[in-house]
Every structure is written in C-alpha cells, then in structure tokens.
C-alpha cells in the first residue's frame, strides 16, 4: 500500500503556493498567472462541480506515517496556480474554499462549503480528520461519489478515522467531501486519506475555469435547511450548505464556489446586537475565528462575487433611519470597495435576502430600507464608473415553499434562489 502522508510536507512560514501540496515541495514560480506567490494563509484550487426574526444567530458560537499503522495515502496535489484551472496532472487531492496550509500535519478549514476532491481506485475509502467539534454539534460532510450523493459523514473530536464509502464496484471513483456546517461547529483538519489495501489515490480532473465567491450569513451557510419547519432551533445536523443556494448556484453553473458565511453576522451590527466581529471584519480570514493566517486574495480570483448581507442588521431593535442609514451605507460601501480592490475585474452582485420583510420587526420597514440603502450603494458605484456592480433582490420566502429552522429558507426556496442567481450571472457573464 502507498503511504504518503501529510506530515512529509514542509511547513512554510511566509510564502505559500496555494491549494497544491506538491507545489509546496517544489516552490512557486513568479509566472503564476494569479500571483499566488506570497500568501500568508492557505488556499485552494479544487473543484466541485439563508421570514421573520433575522437569520437567527445560530447559537452565537462561533498523519503522518501512514496513520499510525493504518496506511495513509498520498496527499500529493500540485498547483493549479490558484486559478481553478491549469495543468493539474498528478494531483491526487484538490481543495475548494479557504484552507490554512501552514500546518505540516495537513490543511485546516472552517467555512461552510469547504470541500475536498480526490480520486481513488478500489471499492472503499477512509479518511483521517482532526476535528474540533463535539458530538452534540458535530461537523457534517456530504459524501458525493461519481457525481451521486452517498450519504452524510459525521465528524467530531471523539475519533479521527472514518470510513467515507464502501461497497462500491471495483474500479476508479471520484469523491467529493463537502462541508455542510459553518464555522461555529469548529475547525476541521484533513490528515490523510486511507485507501484499501493495495489501492491508491489517483490524479483528479482539472478544476473548472469558473469561480464564484459568496459573502453572507446563515442564509448562505445553509442554516436549518434540513429542519422540519420554522419551530426547530439551530443544530449542526439540520444545517446543510450542500443544499443552500450558495452551493447550488455553483453546481448549476459548473463553477467552483467559495462561501464566506457565518450565522448572525451583519454589515455593521449582528443579530440582536451580538458582540462579535461583523462579516466585513472577518472577510479577510482563512479560518473564520482566527485572525491569522490572513487570506491571500491573489491565490484564487473569482469572476463573480455575491454579497448577501443585511438581514441581521435589520433584525431586532433596528435604529431609526436618521441614525442608521449613513452608518449602514458607509459600511456596505466599504465592503464593496474592499471586494473591488481585491478583485478588480469581478462582477459584484449586491443582493436583498428573502427573509427581509416590512412586517418584521414591527414598524422597522426592514425590507424597504434595506432595498433603499443597498440600492444607493449600487447606484453610487455605477455613477462613479463601476458598471460591474448590480442589485439583485430575492423574492420574500413564502409559506407555500415551507421554512427551515428559525424561519430560514427551505430547500425549495434555496432552489428558487439558486435558479434566479444563476440566471443573473449567466446574463451578465455569458455563462
């Protein structure tokens, strides 16, 4: 059995080549078309193919040597230049989303939608994780084999070796592990894949050229999608980013999608004025609740950025227009400016979420004001010559389509949102 484990790769103190472990071995060239030569945080170039009450706050949380005799299989991916494309021949593992690659034991990640792609031969595959979540709020992964969902993998701090899939027809198979849970469940670290005796990981297909980044809150994270109705509280078990509009849009368009979303977070104020960093304050992080390593924006450059924020700002005890309009528009405009600075050519969609309404909070006129405030930011950008910024409003969710936990969008509503967003992106970019 092959035994190439993550511990064999050197720790890099400052310059990291993103998302490709063999590139960490050979160094990064200055001819990287995406400039992925000076990252301080890890990165990725893998492919896979959030009513009333705000977005809920979601509980306000925030190896080596063959696996000790188990036989760890090769973590030997090579760089796709952080672009989602390029020559990936020989890559056996690819990553979607933000990964901290500064640890020699393996990459760490925490954002919902973070995903790992590999290819293997045989009938089964296991994986070794170091996971910080607890059994009462585990991390969950959608298991997708050869393009078909094969169930859900529950991961927590009680064990480290998991059977991902077994009983497959003998042969070659593609595997996607898509993290369904958001940062508050805890950080996950991939240590190694463990193929069955005599088998190995194989080169994965190249990643698509299309890339989307989504910045959001619980709606984008997938809060409560698997809940029976609006009356259930947050649990990591009912959170399902794989069925969230954010992930669905990427699959509809054949794009890699990086999802930067955390429940309860807003533009300038969080749900119920929660004392925690807002999304603009944590947008530059590789690991959601860790200030370092900072994310290297040059390592993975999307053609589309979607901002779906504001639901929490307008959730509870919303300040009056005179006190709130200018601070909110300044904060939102600042985030758009940051996105534009990081991605000069990207098309930016500023969206109005489906949970906003003028009926809740009572008297706040939340939907009307959010529409005005965000719309003004878009108008100002356009007037200043930035014609690659557009306002997109998701229709208010309806009872007919059901609700997820704490009044969050249901699976059906997320499907409708994804179809609307995918159509808008196709219209603007020709995808």
Protein backbone atom coordinates (compact mmCIF):
# COMPACT_ATOMS: atom_id res chain seq x y z
CA UNK A 1 0.00 0.00 0.00
CA UNK A 2 1.16 3.51 -0.75
CA UNK A 3 1.83 5.54 2.38
CA UNK A 4 2.35 9.19 1.51
CA UNK A 5 1.08 11.20 4.48
CA UNK A 6 0.71 14.91 5.05
CA UNK A 7 3.45 15.14 7.62
CA UNK A 8 6.04 14.71 4.90
CA UNK A 9 5.39 18.24 3.60
CA UNK A 10 7.41 21.13 5.00
CA UNK A 11 5.82 23.95 6.97
CA UNK A 12 6.08 27.25 5.14
CA UNK A 13 6.47 30.34 7.29
CA UNK A 14 5.56 33.08 4.84
CA UNK A 15 5.32 32.29 1.14
CA UNK A 16 2.77 29.60 0.34
CA UNK A 17 1.73 28.22 -3.00
CA UNK A 18 -1.99 27.81 -2.70
CA UNK A 19 -4.05 24.63 -2.74
CA UNK A 20 -1.43 22.34 -4.09
CA UNK A 21 0.68 20.26 -1.82
CA UNK A 22 3.27 19.19 -4.34
CA UNK A 23 3.80 22.86 -5.14
CA UNK A 24 4.77 23.27 -1.50
CA UNK A 25 7.51 20.79 -2.20
CA UNK A 26 8.84 22.42 -5.35
CA UNK A 27 8.28 26.10 -4.67
CA UNK A 28 6.15 28.66 -6.51
CA UNK A 29 7.20 30.44 -9.64
CA UNK A 30 6.72 34.12 -10.38
CA UNK A 31 4.99 33.14 -13.58
CA UNK A 32 1.86 32.13 -11.64
CA UNK A 33 -0.86 33.97 -13.60
CA UNK A 34 -2.83 34.62 -10.45
CA UNK A 35 0.04 35.89 -8.37
CA UNK A 36 -0.17 33.13 -5.78
CA UNK A 37 3.38 33.55 -4.63
CA UNK A 38 3.11 35.45 -1.38
CA UNK A 39 0.21 34.07 0.58
CA UNK A 40 0.35 34.00 4.33
CA UNK A 41 -2.79 31.90 4.54
CA UNK A 42 -3.54 28.69 2.75
CA UNK A 43 -5.63 28.49 -0.34
CA UNK A 44 -7.28 26.19 -2.79
CA UNK A 45 -7.99 25.34 -6.35
CA UNK A 46 -10.28 22.36 -6.14
CA UNK A 47 -13.48 21.83 -7.99
CA UNK A 48 -16.97 20.63 -7.19
CA UNK A 49 -18.56 20.65 -9.68
CA UNK A 50 -30.11 31.58 4.32
CA UNK A 51 -39.10 35.47 7.35
CA UNK A 52 -39.01 36.97 10.29
CA UNK A 53 -36.55 37.29 13.07
CA UNK A 54 -33.31 37.95 11.23
CA UNK A 55 -31.17 34.98 10.35
CA UNK A 56 -31.22 33.58 13.84
CA UNK A 57 -27.71 33.86 15.18
CA UNK A 58 -27.18 30.09 15.19
CA UNK A 59 -26.29 29.71 18.82
CA UNK A 60 -23.76 32.55 18.61
CA UNK A 61 -20.76 30.24 18.56
CA UNK A 62 -18.52 30.85 16.81
CA UNK A 63 -0.88 11.86 9.87
CA UNK A 64 1.68 11.27 9.37
CA UNK A 65 3.43 7.95 8.74
CA UNK A 66 0.52 6.13 7.28
CA UNK A 67 -1.80 6.98 10.14
CA UNK A 68 -0.06 5.12 12.92
CA UNK A 69 -0.08 1.85 11.08
CA UNK A 70 -3.32 2.45 9.18
CA UNK A 71 -1.62 3.35 5.94
CA UNK A 72 -2.24 6.93 4.86
CA UNK A 73 -2.43 7.57 1.12
CA UNK A 74 -0.79 10.30 -0.85
CA UNK A 75 -1.59 13.94 -0.30
CA UNK A 76 0.34 14.97 -3.36
CA UNK A 77 -1.57 17.60 -5.25
CA UNK A 78 0.16 20.09 -7.47
CA UNK A 79 -0.63 23.73 -8.06
CA UNK A 80 -3.31 24.85 -10.45
CA UNK A 81 -1.93 28.33 -9.94
CA UNK A 82 -4.78 29.23 -7.65
CA UNK A 83 -6.98 29.82 -10.66
CA UNK A 84 -9.20 26.77 -10.68
CA UNK A 85 -7.61 25.68 -13.93
CA UNK A 86 -4.26 24.93 -15.47
CA UNK A 87 -2.22 21.76 -15.58
CA UNK A 88 -3.20 19.56 -12.66
CA UNK A 89 -1.70 16.32 -13.91
CA UNK A 90 -0.57 14.25 -10.96
CA UNK A 91 -2.82 15.99 -8.44
CA UNK A 92 -4.50 13.48 -6.15
CA UNK A 93 -6.29 15.93 -3.83
CA UNK A 94 -7.79 19.33 -4.55
CA UNK A 95 -9.47 21.84 -2.26
CA UNK A 96 -12.43 24.19 -2.63
CA UNK A 97 -12.61 27.30 -0.46
CA UNK A 98 -10.20 28.65 2.11
CA UNK A 99 -7.69 26.26 3.66
CA UNK A 100 -4.89 27.08 6.08
CA UNK A 101 -1.88 25.21 4.72
CA UNK A 102 0.63 26.39 7.33
CA UNK A 103 0.42 23.21 9.42
CA UNK A 104 2.62 20.29 8.36
CA UNK A 105 0.07 17.72 9.55
CA UNK A 106 -2.49 18.85 6.98
CA UNK A 107 -4.76 21.69 5.84
CA UNK A 108 -7.29 23.26 8.26
CA UNK A 109 -10.64 24.75 7.28
CA UNK A 110 -13.85 26.03 8.88
CA UNK A 111 -16.13 27.72 6.33
CA UNK A 112 -19.32 26.02 5.16
CA UNK A 113 -18.93 24.77 1.62
CA UNK A 114 -15.24 24.00 2.04
CA UNK A 115 -14.67 20.85 0.07
CA UNK A 116 -12.09 18.21 -0.73
CA UNK A 117 -11.90 16.38 -4.04
CA UNK A 118 -9.97 13.19 -4.70
CA UNK A 119 -9.99 10.17 -6.98
CA UNK A 120 -9.22 6.61 -5.95
CA UNK A 121 -9.24 3.03 -7.09
CA UNK A 122 -10.91 0.18 -5.25
CA UNK A 123 -14.24 -0.35 -3.50
CA UNK A 124 -13.81 1.79 -0.37
CA UNK A 125 -12.01 4.79 1.08
CA UNK A 126 -11.40 6.10 4.59
CA UNK A 127 -10.24 9.50 5.81
CA UNK A 128 -8.47 10.75 8.88
CA UNK A 129 -9.55 14.09 10.36
CA UNK A 130 -8.54 16.12 13.38
CA UNK A 131 -11.85 17.86 14.18
CA UNK A 132 -12.66 20.33 16.95
CA UNK A 133 -16.43 19.81 17.02
CA UNK A 134 -18.22 17.92 19.78
CA UNK A 135 -20.82 15.14 19.48
CA UNK A 136 -23.68 17.50 20.35
CA UNK A 137 -22.75 19.84 17.46
CA UNK A 138 -20.67 17.74 15.06
CA UNK A 139 -19.38 18.78 11.67
CA UNK A 140 -21.14 17.10 8.76
CA UNK A 141 -19.94 16.37 5.23
CA UNK A 142 -21.96 15.50 2.16
CA UNK A 143 -20.36 12.46 0.54
CA UNK A 144 -20.58 12.53 -3.26
CA UNK A 145 -19.16 9.62 -5.27
CA UNK A 146 -19.05 9.69 -9.05
CA UNK A 147 -21.46 12.63 -9.03
CA UNK A 148 -24.04 10.90 -6.81
CA UNK A 149 -24.77 11.70 -3.16
CA UNK A 150 -23.86 8.73 -0.97
CA UNK A 151 -24.97 9.95 2.43
CA UNK A 152 -23.54 12.14 5.17
CA UNK A 153 -20.34 11.77 7.18
CA UNK A 154 -20.49 12.96 10.80
CA UNK A 155 -17.13 14.10 12.19
CA UNK A 156 -16.19 15.26 15.70
CA UNK A 157 -13.45 15.11 18.32
CA UNK A 158 -14.32 11.61 19.51
CA UNK A 159 -12.39 9.82 16.77
CA UNK A 160 -10.15 10.54 13.82
CA UNK A 161 -10.52 7.70 11.29
CA UNK A 162 -13.76 7.42 9.31
CA UNK A 163 -15.00 5.13 6.58
CA UNK A 164 -16.19 7.50 3.89
CA UNK A 165 -17.59 4.99 1.44
CA UNK A 166 -17.53 1.22 0.98
CA UNK A 167 -19.12 -1.48 -1.14
CA UNK A 168 -18.52 0.30 -4.43
CA UNK A 169 -17.97 -1.54 -7.70
CA UNK A 170 -14.27 -2.25 -8.07
CA UNK A 171 -12.67 0.41 -10.22
CA UNK A 172 -11.86 4.12 -10.25
CA UNK A 173 -14.08 6.62 -8.44
CA UNK A 174 -14.31 10.38 -7.91
CA UNK A 175 -15.02 11.60 -4.38
CA UNK A 176 -16.22 14.97 -3.11
CA UNK A 177 -16.46 15.76 0.62
CA UNK A 178 -18.49 18.96 1.02
CA UNK A 179 -18.63 20.52 4.50
CA UNK A 180 -22.30 21.21 5.29
CA UNK A 181 -21.64 23.02 8.57
CA UNK A 182 -20.46 26.55 9.28
CA UNK A 183 -17.56 27.88 11.38
CA UNK A 184 -19.30 27.81 14.73
CA UNK A 185 -19.14 24.00 14.75
CA UNK A 186 -15.34 24.11 14.86
CA UNK A 187 -12.23 23.74 12.73
CA UNK A 188 -11.53 20.58 10.74
CA UNK A 189 -8.07 19.40 9.70
CA UNK A 190 -7.54 16.85 6.96
CA UNK A 191 -4.74 14.49 7.91
CA UNK A 192 -4.90 11.85 5.19
CA UNK A 193 -6.99 9.61 3.00
CA UNK A 194 -6.64 5.88 3.59
CA UNK A 195 -7.34 3.68 0.55
CA UNK A 196 -8.00 -0.01 0.93
CA UNK A 197 -5.12 -2.46 0.89
CA UNK A 198 -3.24 -2.40 -2.38
CA UNK A 199 -5.03 0.64 -3.77
CA UNK A 200 -4.10 4.32 -4.07
CA UNK A 201 -5.29 7.81 -4.79
CA UNK A 202 -5.28 8.84 -8.45
CA UNK A 203 -4.91 12.14 -10.35
CA UNK A 204 -8.05 14.25 -10.18
CA UNK A 205 -9.63 16.08 -13.14
CA UNK A 206 -8.72 19.75 -13.59
CA UNK A 207 -10.85 22.34 -11.83
CA UNK A 208 -13.25 24.48 -13.86
CA UNK A 209 -12.32 27.95 -15.00
CA UNK A 210 -15.49 29.46 -13.49
CA UNK A 211 -15.21 30.74 -9.91
CA UNK A 212 -17.77 32.34 -7.59
CA UNK A 213 -17.30 33.80 -4.11
CA UNK A 214 -20.31 34.33 -1.85
CA UNK A 215 -20.21 36.52 1.26
CA UNK A 216 -23.13 36.02 3.59
CA UNK A 217 -24.73 34.95 6.84
CA UNK A 218 -26.86 31.98 7.87
CA UNK A 219 -28.82 32.05 4.62
CA UNK A 220 -25.67 31.44 2.62
CA UNK A 221 -24.36 28.94 5.19
CA UNK A 222 -27.47 26.74 4.92
CA UNK A 223 -28.91 27.17 8.43
CA UNK A 224 -31.87 24.91 9.18
CA UNK A 225 -32.47 23.65 5.64
CA UNK A 226 -32.98 20.07 6.84
CA UNK A 227 -35.25 21.12 9.73
CA UNK A 228 -38.92 20.07 9.64
CA UNK A 229 -40.33 23.59 9.98
CA UNK A 230 -39.74 27.06 11.44
CA UNK A 231 -40.08 25.89 15.04
CA UNK A 232 -36.81 23.99 15.37
CA UNK A 233 -33.69 25.66 16.81
CA UNK A 234 -30.26 25.64 15.26
CA UNK A 235 -28.36 22.36 15.21
CA UNK A 236 -25.39 21.48 13.06
CA UNK A 237 -27.26 18.35 12.00
CA UNK A 238 -30.00 20.35 10.26
CA UNK A 239 -27.59 22.80 8.65
CA UNK A 240 -26.93 21.79 5.05
CA UNK A 241 -24.77 24.01 2.91
CA UNK A 242 -24.79 21.43 0.15
CA UNK A 243 -28.47 22.34 -0.46
CA UNK A 244 -28.03 26.08 0.14
CA UNK A 245 -28.48 28.44 -2.80
CA UNK A 246 -24.81 29.36 -2.49
CA UNK A 247 -23.58 25.86 -3.28
CA UNK A 248 -26.44 25.08 -5.67
CA UNK A 249 -25.59 28.10 -7.82
CA UNK A 250 -22.06 26.85 -8.30
CA UNK A 251 -23.26 23.42 -9.34
CA UNK A 252 -25.81 24.89 -11.76
CA UNK A 253 -23.09 26.91 -13.46
CA UNK A 254 -20.27 24.37 -13.21
CA UNK A 255 -18.23 26.75 -11.05
CA UNK A 256 -16.01 26.41 -8.03
CA UNK A 257 -17.69 28.29 -5.18
CA UNK A 258 -16.01 29.70 -2.08
CA UNK A 259 -18.56 30.53 0.62
CA UNK A 260 -17.64 33.00 3.36
CA UNK A 261 -20.70 32.93 5.61
CA UNK A 262 -21.41 32.95 9.34
CA UNK A 263 -24.81 32.93 11.01
CA UNK A 264 -25.89 36.03 12.86
CA UNK A 265 -23.26 38.31 11.34
CA UNK A 266 -24.10 41.59 9.65
CA UNK A 267 -22.56 44.51 7.85
CA UNK A 268 -22.29 46.86 10.85
CA UNK A 269 -24.38 45.11 13.51
CA UNK A 270 -25.00 41.45 14.18
CA UNK A 271 -28.23 39.69 15.06
CA UNK A 272 -29.66 41.19 18.25
CA UNK A 273 -26.50 43.33 18.56
CA UNK A 274 -24.36 40.30 19.27
CA UNK A 275 -20.91 41.42 20.43
CA UNK A 276 -18.81 39.74 17.76
CA UNK A 277 -16.91 40.75 14.66
CA UNK A 278 -19.10 41.63 11.69
CA UNK A 279 -18.63 39.99 8.29
CA UNK A 280 -16.51 42.82 6.85
CA UNK A 281 -14.18 42.41 9.84
CA UNK A 282 -13.70 38.68 9.28
CA UNK A 283 -13.85 38.67 5.48
CA UNK A 284 -10.06 38.54 5.20
CA UNK A 285 -9.60 35.44 7.33
CA UNK A 286 -8.59 31.97 6.22
CA UNK A 287 -10.06 30.35 9.36
CA UNK A 288 -13.24 32.15 10.35
CA UNK A 289 -12.48 32.82 14.01
CA UNK A 290 -8.70 33.18 13.73
CA UNK A 291 -7.08 36.47 12.71
CA UNK A 292 -4.05 34.68 11.27
CA UNK A 293 -3.09 33.46 8.80
CA UNK A 294 -4.75 36.11 6.68
CA UNK A 295 -6.28 35.00 3.41
CA UNK A 296 -4.25 35.63 0.26
CA UNK A 297 -6.79 37.07 -2.15
CA UNK A 298 -4.42 36.70 -5.08
CA UNK A 299 -4.39 32.92 -4.66
CA UNK A 300 -7.89 32.37 -6.01
CA UNK A 301 -9.62 35.07 -8.05
CA UNK A 302 -13.36 34.71 -8.77
CA UNK A 303 -15.12 36.20 -11.76
CA UNK A 304 -18.27 36.72 -9.64
CA UNK A 305 -18.74 37.88 -6.05
CA UNK A 306 -22.17 37.75 -4.39
CA UNK A 307 -22.85 39.75 -1.22
CA UNK A 308 -25.92 38.58 0.70
CA UNK A 309 -25.80 40.59 3.92
CA UNK A 310 -28.10 42.94 5.82
CA UNK A 311 -30.71 40.56 7.20
CA UNK A 312 -29.09 40.64 10.65
CA UNK A 313 -28.52 44.40 10.59
CA UNK A 314 -32.30 44.80 10.23
CA UNK A 315 -33.30 42.05 12.65
CA UNK A 316 -34.03 43.29 16.21
CA UNK A 317 -34.18 46.80 17.68
CA UNK A 318 -33.35 48.38 14.35
CA UNK A 319 -32.23 52.01 14.78
CA UNK A 320 -34.26 54.71 13.09
CA UNK A 321 -33.46 55.90 9.60
CA UNK A 322 -31.70 59.06 10.75
CA UNK A 323 -29.33 57.08 12.96
CA UNK A 324 -28.84 54.05 10.75
CA UNK A 325 -28.86 54.97 7.06
CA UNK A 326 -25.43 56.57 6.85
CA UNK A 327 -23.53 54.09 9.05
CA UNK A 328 -25.03 51.14 7.16
CA UNK A 329 -24.45 52.53 3.69
CA UNK A 330 -20.90 53.52 4.64
CA UNK A 331 -20.22 50.02 5.96
CA UNK A 332 -21.76 48.29 2.96
CA UNK A 333 -19.97 50.60 0.52
CA UNK A 334 -16.73 49.86 2.33
CA UNK A 335 -17.20 46.12 1.86
CA UNK A 336 -17.96 46.56 -1.84
CA UNK A 337 -14.85 48.70 -2.18
CA UNK A 338 -12.77 46.01 -0.47
CA UNK A 339 -14.11 43.39 -2.86
CA UNK A 340 -13.37 45.62 -5.81
CA UNK A 341 -9.81 46.24 -4.59
CA UNK A 342 -9.21 42.51 -4.17
CA UNK A 343 -10.88 41.52 -7.45
CA UNK A 344 -10.68 44.42 -9.95
CA UNK A 345 -12.41 42.51 -12.76
CA UNK A 346 -15.09 40.63 -10.83
CA UNK A 347 -18.80 41.20 -11.35
CA UNK A 348 -20.38 42.01 -7.96
CA UNK A 349 -23.98 41.18 -7.08
CA UNK A 350 -25.39 43.04 -4.06
CA UNK A 351 -28.45 41.09 -3.00
CA UNK A 352 -31.54 41.56 -0.84
CA UNK A 353 -32.24 38.40 1.16
CA UNK A 354 -35.56 36.51 1.20
CA UNK A 355 -36.03 36.77 4.99
CA UNK A 356 -36.36 40.56 4.94
CA UNK A 357 -39.86 41.97 5.15
CA UNK A 358 -41.67 45.15 6.15
CA UNK A 359 -43.73 43.17 8.63
CA UNK A 360 -40.85 42.24 10.94
CA UNK A 361 -39.58 43.81 13.10
CA UNK A 362 -42.80 45.71 13.53
CA UNK A 363 -42.51 49.30 12.36
CA UNK A 364 -38.93 48.93 11.13
CA UNK A 365 -39.77 48.75 7.41
CA UNK A 366 -36.73 46.50 7.14
CA UNK A 367 -37.19 45.38 3.52
CA UNK A 368 -37.91 48.86 2.19
CA UNK A 369 -34.96 50.38 4.00
CA UNK A 370 -32.53 47.60 3.08
CA UNK A 371 -33.59 47.96 -0.53
CA UNK A 372 -33.01 51.72 -0.39
CA UNK A 373 -29.69 51.54 1.44
CA UNK A 374 -28.12 48.79 -0.63
CA UNK A 375 -29.62 50.18 -3.81
CA UNK A 376 -27.98 53.53 -3.09
CA UNK A 377 -24.59 51.87 -2.73
CA UNK A 378 -25.03 50.19 -6.12
CA UNK A 379 -26.21 53.42 -7.75
CA UNK A 380 -23.23 55.30 -6.36
CA UNK A 381 -20.80 52.68 -7.67
CA UNK A 382 -22.39 52.78 -11.10
CA UNK A 383 -22.38 56.59 -11.12
CA UNK A 384 -18.68 56.53 -10.31
CA UNK A 385 -18.00 54.41 -13.36
CA UNK A 386 -18.08 50.89 -11.88
CA UNK A 387 -20.63 49.23 -14.14
CA UNK A 388 -19.85 45.74 -12.88
CA UNK A 389 -21.98 46.06 -9.74
CA UNK A 390 -25.66 45.05 -9.79
CA UNK A 391 -28.55 44.92 -7.32
CA UNK A 392 -30.40 41.61 -7.15
CA UNK A 393 -33.42 41.06 -4.91
CA UNK A 394 -34.53 37.58 -3.93
CA UNK A 395 -38.31 37.42 -3.52
CA UNK A 396 -39.56 37.05 0.04
CA UNK A 397 -39.86 33.43 1.06
CA UNK A 398 -43.39 32.04 1.13
CA UNK A 399 -45.26 29.64 3.36
CA UNK A 400 -46.11 27.58 0.29
CA UNK A 401 -42.45 26.62 -0.04
CA UNK A 402 -42.06 25.81 3.65
CA UNK A 403 -39.48 27.04 6.14
CA UNK A 404 -36.30 25.76 7.67
CA UNK A 405 -35.42 26.11 11.34
CA UNK A 406 -35.99 29.55 12.88
CA UNK A 407 -37.82 30.78 9.77
CA UNK A 408 -34.87 30.22 7.47
CA UNK A 409 -35.27 29.44 3.77
CA UNK A 410 -36.32 25.89 2.98
CA UNK A 411 -34.67 23.61 0.48
CA UNK A 412 -37.30 24.64 -2.09
CA UNK A 413 -36.68 28.35 -1.51
CA UNK A 414 -32.95 27.77 -1.87
CA UNK A 415 -33.55 26.02 -5.19
CA UNK A 416 -35.50 29.03 -6.43
CA UNK A 417 -32.81 31.43 -5.22
CA UNK A 418 -30.11 29.42 -6.96
CA UNK A 419 -32.02 29.39 -10.23
CA UNK A 420 -32.54 33.17 -10.05
CA UNK A 421 -28.92 33.89 -9.20
CA UNK A 422 -27.55 31.50 -11.81
CA UNK A 423 -29.72 33.15 -14.47
CA UNK A 424 -28.50 36.62 -13.44
CA UNK A 425 -24.86 35.50 -13.54
CA UNK A 426 -25.34 33.88 -16.94
CA UNK A 427 -26.97 37.06 -18.22
CA UNK A 428 -24.05 39.23 -17.14
CA UNK A 429 -21.12 36.90 -17.87
CA UNK A 430 -22.45 34.73 -20.66
CA UNK A 431 -22.01 31.52 -18.72
